[in-house]
C-alpha atoms as a PDB file:
ATOM      1  CA  MET A   1     130.956 143.548-117.434  1.00  0.00           C
ATOM      2  CA  GLN A   2     131.311 147.315-117.022  1.00  0.00           C
ATOM      3  CA  SER A   3     132.086 148.263-113.427  1.00  0.00           C
ATOM      4  CA  ARG A   4     130.663 151.380-111.819  1.00  0.00           C
ATOM      5  CA  GLY A   5     133.807 152.008-109.761  1.00  0.00           C
ATOM      6  CA  ARG A   6     136.646 154.335-110.520  1.00  0.00           C
ATOM      7  CA  HIS A   7     139.999 153.016-111.661  1.00  0.00           C
ATOM      8  CA  TRP A   8     143.399 153.960-110.250  1.00  0.00           C
ATOM      9  CA  GLU A   9     143.877 156.574-112.996  1.00  0.00           C
ATOM     10  CA  ASP A  10     140.614 158.322-112.037  1.00  0.00           C
ATOM     11  CA  PHE A  11     141.877 159.495-108.633  1.00  0.00           C
ATOM     12  CA  LYS A  12     143.761 162.809-108.588  1.00  0.00           C
ATOM     13  CA  VAL A  13     145.968 163.901-105.688  1.00  0.00           C
ATOM     14  CA  GLY A  14     144.206 166.633-103.719  1.00  0.00           C
ATOM     15  CA  GLU A  15     140.735 165.624-104.883  1.00  0.00           C
ATOM     16  CA  VAL A  16     138.110 165.470-102.115  1.00  0.00           C
ATOM     17  CA  LEU A  17     135.370 162.847-102.258  1.00  0.00           C
ATOM     18  CA  VAL A  18     132.326 163.267-100.016  1.00  0.00           C
ATOM     19  CA  THR A  19     129.919 160.454 -99.147  1.00  0.00           C
ATOM     20  CA  GLY A  20     126.257 160.545 -98.345  1.00  0.00           C
ATOM     21  CA  ARG A  21     125.081 160.897 -94.734  1.00  0.00           C
ATOM     22  CA  ARG A  22     123.814 158.357 -92.220  1.00  0.00           C
ATOM     23  CA  THR A  23     122.162 158.856 -88.840  1.00  0.00           C
ATOM     24  CA  VAL A  24     123.505 156.582 -86.091  1.00  0.00           C
ATOM     25  CA  GLU A  25     120.698 155.313 -83.856  1.00  0.00           C
ATOM     26  CA  GLY A  26     120.561 153.304 -80.649  1.00  0.00           C
ATOM     27  CA  SER A  27     119.459 150.266 -82.633  1.00  0.00           C
ATOM     28  CA  ASP A  28     122.706 150.442 -84.651  1.00  0.00           C
ATOM     29  CA  VAL A  29     124.715 150.439 -81.426  1.00  0.00           C
ATOM     30  CA  SER A  30     122.726 147.499 -80.020  1.00  0.00           C
ATOM     31  CA  ARG A  31     123.208 145.451 -83.193  1.00  0.00           C
ATOM     32  CA  PHE A  32     126.923 146.294 -83.268  1.00  0.00           C
ATOM     33  CA  ALA A  33     127.326 145.301 -79.605  1.00  0.00           C
ATOM     34  CA  GLY A  34     125.695 141.947 -80.365  1.00  0.00           C
ATOM     35  CA  LEU A  35     127.771 141.390 -83.488  1.00  0.00           C
ATOM     36  CA  SER A  36     131.103 142.412 -81.971  1.00  0.00           C
ATOM     37  CA  GLY A  37     130.565 141.246 -78.399  1.00  0.00           C
ATOM     38  CA  ASP A  38     131.492 144.726 -77.130  1.00  0.00           C
ATOM     39  CA  PHE A  39     128.909 145.391 -74.434  1.00  0.00           C
ATOM     40  CA  ASN A  40     130.908 148.123 -72.676  1.00  0.00           C
ATOM     41  CA  PRO A  41     128.415 150.005 -70.480  1.00  0.00           C
ATOM     42  CA  LEU A  42     129.466 153.279 -72.133  1.00  0.00           C
ATOM     43  CA  HIS A  43     127.511 152.004 -75.147  1.00  0.00           C
ATOM     44  CA  THR A  44     124.846 149.801 -73.555  1.00  0.00           C
ATOM     45  CA  ASP A  45     123.960 151.140 -70.072  1.00  0.00           C
ATOM     46  CA  GLU A  46     122.235 154.545 -69.984  1.00  0.00           C
ATOM     47  CA  VAL A  47     122.508 154.883 -66.188  1.00  0.00           C
ATOM     48  CA  PHE A  48     126.249 154.225 -66.295  1.00  0.00           C
ATOM     49  CA  ALA A  49     126.776 156.429 -69.359  1.00  0.00           C
ATOM     50  CA  LYS A  50     125.030 159.407 -67.712  1.00  0.00           C
ATOM     51  CA  GLN A  51     127.897 159.446 -65.194  1.00  0.00           C
ATOM     52  CA  THR A  52     130.580 159.737 -67.896  1.00  0.00           C
ATOM     53  CA  PRO A  53     131.897 162.956 -69.445  1.00  0.00           C
ATOM     54  CA  PHE A  54     129.590 162.291 -72.426  1.00  0.00           C
ATOM     55  CA  GLY A  55     126.446 162.311 -70.259  1.00  0.00           C
ATOM     56  CA  ALA A  56     124.766 159.614 -72.346  1.00  0.00           C
ATOM     57  CA  ARG A  57     125.483 156.446 -74.261  1.00  0.00           C
ATOM     58  CA  VAL A  58     127.649 156.894 -77.370  1.00  0.00           C
ATOM     59  CA  ALA A  59     128.407 154.779 -80.425  1.00  0.00           C
ATOM     60  CA  HIS A  60     131.425 152.496 -80.470  1.00  0.00           C
ATOM     61  CA  GLY A  61     134.416 154.063 -82.212  1.00  0.00           C
ATOM     62  CA  ILE A  62     134.776 150.942 -84.322  1.00  0.00           C
ATOM     63  CA  LEU A  63     131.106 151.268 -85.343  1.00  0.00           C
ATOM     64  CA  THR A  64     131.861 154.796 -86.563  1.00  0.00           C
ATOM     65  CA  LEU A  65     134.777 153.392 -88.570  1.00  0.00           C
ATOM     66  CA  ALA A  66     132.534 150.661 -90.011  1.00  0.00           C
ATOM     67  CA  VAL A  67     129.826 153.163 -91.004  1.00  0.00           C
ATOM     68  CA  SER A  68     132.501 155.297 -92.690  1.00  0.00           C
ATOM     69  CA  ASN A  69     133.695 152.282 -94.659  1.00  0.00           C
ATOM     70  CA  GLY A  70     130.117 151.474 -95.647  1.00  0.00           C
ATOM     71  CA  GLN A  71     129.555 155.059 -96.806  1.00  0.00           C
ATOM     72  CA  GLN A  72     132.633 154.818 -99.016  1.00  0.00           C
ATOM     73  CA  ASN A  73     131.385 151.614-100.593  1.00  0.00           C
ATOM     74  CA  LEU A  74     127.848 152.925-101.077  1.00  0.00           C
ATOM     75  CA  SER A  75     129.352 155.818-103.046  1.00  0.00           C
ATOM     76  CA  GLY A  76     130.256 153.387-105.836  1.00  0.00           C
ATOM     77  CA  TRP A  77     133.831 154.661-106.209  1.00  0.00           C
ATOM     78  CA  PHE A  78     135.252 151.211-105.410  1.00  0.00           C
ATOM     79  CA  GLU A  79     132.569 148.980-106.931  1.00  0.00           C
ATOM     80  CA  GLY A  80     134.239 146.327-109.065  1.00  0.00           C
ATOM     81  CA  THR A  81     137.579 148.149-109.129  1.00  0.00           C
ATOM     82  CA  ALA A  82     138.932 147.820-105.582  1.00  0.00           C
ATOM     83  CA  LEU A  83     141.076 144.727-105.236  1.00  0.00           C
ATOM     84  CA  ALA A  84     142.027 144.978-101.553  1.00  0.00           C
ATOM     85  CA  LEU A  85     141.934 147.237 -98.537  1.00  0.00           C
ATOM     86  CA  LEU A  86     145.640 147.395 -97.727  1.00  0.00           C
ATOM     87  CA  GLY A  87     145.438 149.164 -94.417  1.00  0.00           C
ATOM     88  CA  LEU A  88     144.036 151.689 -91.993  1.00  0.00           C
ATOM     89  CA  ASP A  89     146.616 153.876 -90.279  1.00  0.00           C
ATOM     90  CA  ARG A  90     146.606 156.624 -87.659  1.00  0.00           C
ATOM     91  CA  VAL A  91     142.985 155.990 -86.630  1.00  0.00           C
ATOM     92  CA  ARG A  92     141.820 158.611 -84.132  1.00  0.00           C
ATOM     93  CA  PHE A  93     138.413 159.038 -82.507  1.00  0.00           C
ATOM     94  CA  THR A  94     138.290 162.761 -81.790  1.00  0.00           C
ATOM     95  CA  ALA A  95     134.716 163.286 -80.564  1.00  0.00           C
ATOM     96  CA  PRO A  96     131.837 161.020 -79.552  1.00  0.00           C
ATOM     97  CA  VAL A  97     129.105 159.980 -81.948  1.00  0.00           C
ATOM     98  CA  LYS A  98     125.909 160.350 -79.949  1.00  0.00           C
ATOM     99  CA  PHE A  99     122.659 158.598 -80.734  1.00  0.00           C
ATOM    100  CA  GLY A 100     120.890 160.614 -83.432  1.00  0.00           C
ATOM    101  CA  ASP A 101     124.087 162.130 -84.852  1.00  0.00           C
ATOM    102  CA  THR A 102     124.286 162.141 -88.638  1.00  0.00           C
ATOM    103  CA  ILE A 103     127.748 161.461 -90.009  1.00  0.00           C
ATOM    104  CA  HIS A 104     129.405 161.604 -93.403  1.00  0.00           C
ATOM    105  CA  THR A 105     132.890 160.842 -94.676  1.00  0.00           C
ATOM    106  CA  GLU A 106     135.298 163.071 -96.584  1.00  0.00           C
ATOM    107  CA  MET A 107     138.234 161.427 -98.372  1.00  0.00           C
ATOM    108  CA  THR A 108     141.154 163.440 -99.707  1.00  0.00           C
ATOM    109  CA  VAL A 109     143.383 161.666-102.224  1.00  0.00           C
ATOM    110  CA  LYS A 110     146.833 161.837-100.644  1.00  0.00           C
ATOM    111  CA  GLN A 111     148.780 159.656-103.056  1.00  0.00           C
ATOM    112  CA  ALA A 112     148.243 157.521-106.157  1.00  0.00           C
ATOM    113  CA  ARG A 113     151.209 155.309-106.868  1.00  0.00           C
ATOM    114  CA  GLU A 114     151.823 152.541-109.339  1.00  0.00           C
ATOM    115  CA  SER A 115     152.353 149.055-108.025  1.00  0.00           C
ATOM    116  CA  SER A 116     154.810 146.432-109.227  1.00  0.00           C
ATOM    117  CA  ARG A 117     152.042 144.950-111.402  1.00  0.00           C
ATOM    118  CA  ALA A 118     150.861 146.900-114.437  1.00  0.00           C
ATOM    119  CA  ASP A 119     147.170 146.108-113.903  1.00  0.00           C
ATOM    120  CA  ARG A 120     146.893 147.810-110.491  1.00  0.00           C
ATOM    121  CA  GLY A 121     147.883 150.793-108.382  1.00  0.00           C
ATOM    122  CA  VAL A 122     147.556 152.013-104.799  1.00  0.00           C
ATOM    123  CA  VAL A 123     145.483 155.025-103.770  1.00  0.00           C
ATOM    124  CA  THR A 124     146.003 156.476-100.288  1.00  0.00           C
ATOM    125  CA  PHE A 125     143.385 158.726 -98.712  1.00  0.00           C
ATOM    126  CA  ASP A 126     143.282 161.006 -95.688  1.00  0.00           C
ATOM    127  CA  VAL A 127     139.829 160.353 -94.252  1.00  0.00           C
ATOM    128  CA  THR A 128     137.730 162.591 -92.010  1.00  0.00           C
ATOM    129  CA  VAL A 129     134.356 161.648 -90.539  1.00  0.00           C
ATOM    130  CA  LYS A 130     132.160 164.574 -89.474  1.00  0.00           C
ATOM    131  CA  ASN A 131     128.834 164.922 -87.711  1.00  0.00           C
ATOM    132  CA  GLN A 132     125.928 167.186 -88.658  1.00  0.00           C
ATOM    133  CA  ARG A 133     127.551 170.156 -86.910  1.00  0.00           C
ATOM    134  CA  GLY A 134     130.799 169.730 -88.848  1.00  0.00           C
ATOM    135  CA  ASP A 135     132.632 168.377 -85.796  1.00  0.00           C
ATOM    136  CA  VAL A 136     135.358 165.879 -86.694  1.00  0.00           C
ATOM    137  CA  VAL A 137     134.569 162.594 -84.930  1.00  0.00           C
ATOM    138  CA  CYS A 138     137.168 160.309 -86.549  1.00  0.00           C
ATOM    139  CA  THR A 139     140.244 160.594 -88.764  1.00  0.00           C
ATOM    140  CA  TYR A 140     142.421 157.981 -90.425  1.00  0.00           C
ATOM    141  CA  GLU A 141     144.516 157.153 -93.461  1.00  0.00           C
ATOM    142  CA  THR A 142     143.503 154.290 -95.717  1.00  0.00           C
ATOM    143  CA  SER A 143     145.226 152.635 -98.683  1.00  0.00           C
ATOM    144  CA  VAL A 144     143.313 150.727-101.345  1.00  0.00           C
ATOM    145  CA  LEU A 145     144.687 148.516-104.117  1.00  0.00           C
ATOM    146  CA  MET A 146     142.780 149.525-107.267  1.00  0.00           C
ATOM    147  CA  ARG A 147     142.430 148.143-110.784  1.00  0.00           C
ATOM    148  CA  ARG A 148     144.047 150.119-113.587  1.00  0.00           C
ATOM    149  CA  ARG A 149     142.456 150.526-116.983  1.00  0.00           C
ATOM    150  CA  ALA A 150     143.408 147.910-119.548  1.00  0.00           C
END
């Protein structure tokens, strides 16, 4: 079966990959609160949230991270070729994602190194999530174990 995803050899250091966009709505936050059990009033109580520096409810940081991961997978770059997510490092939430914000993910290939097994390699990305105004809302580094070409 031919996979749609890119192989380890297809990623070039310095290359920037940009995902599609997604608007984060209140319904996303409600579903995430129910799924995760995180009902912090910053996310779920408008009266409380109006008294915070944000002035309104905002999305969970972890929801932003999850949407970013989903955007990466929807891109097809990892379809059938990613073997494992090895880690997320230096995760920072730098600005709130407000209801109605539209976010996208930019991934810069930081490193592509061979692994100890000839059929795979590791690609490390510097990841930036931005809203519709270009504000950075989240940054992190991620490493993915990828298939190599036969």
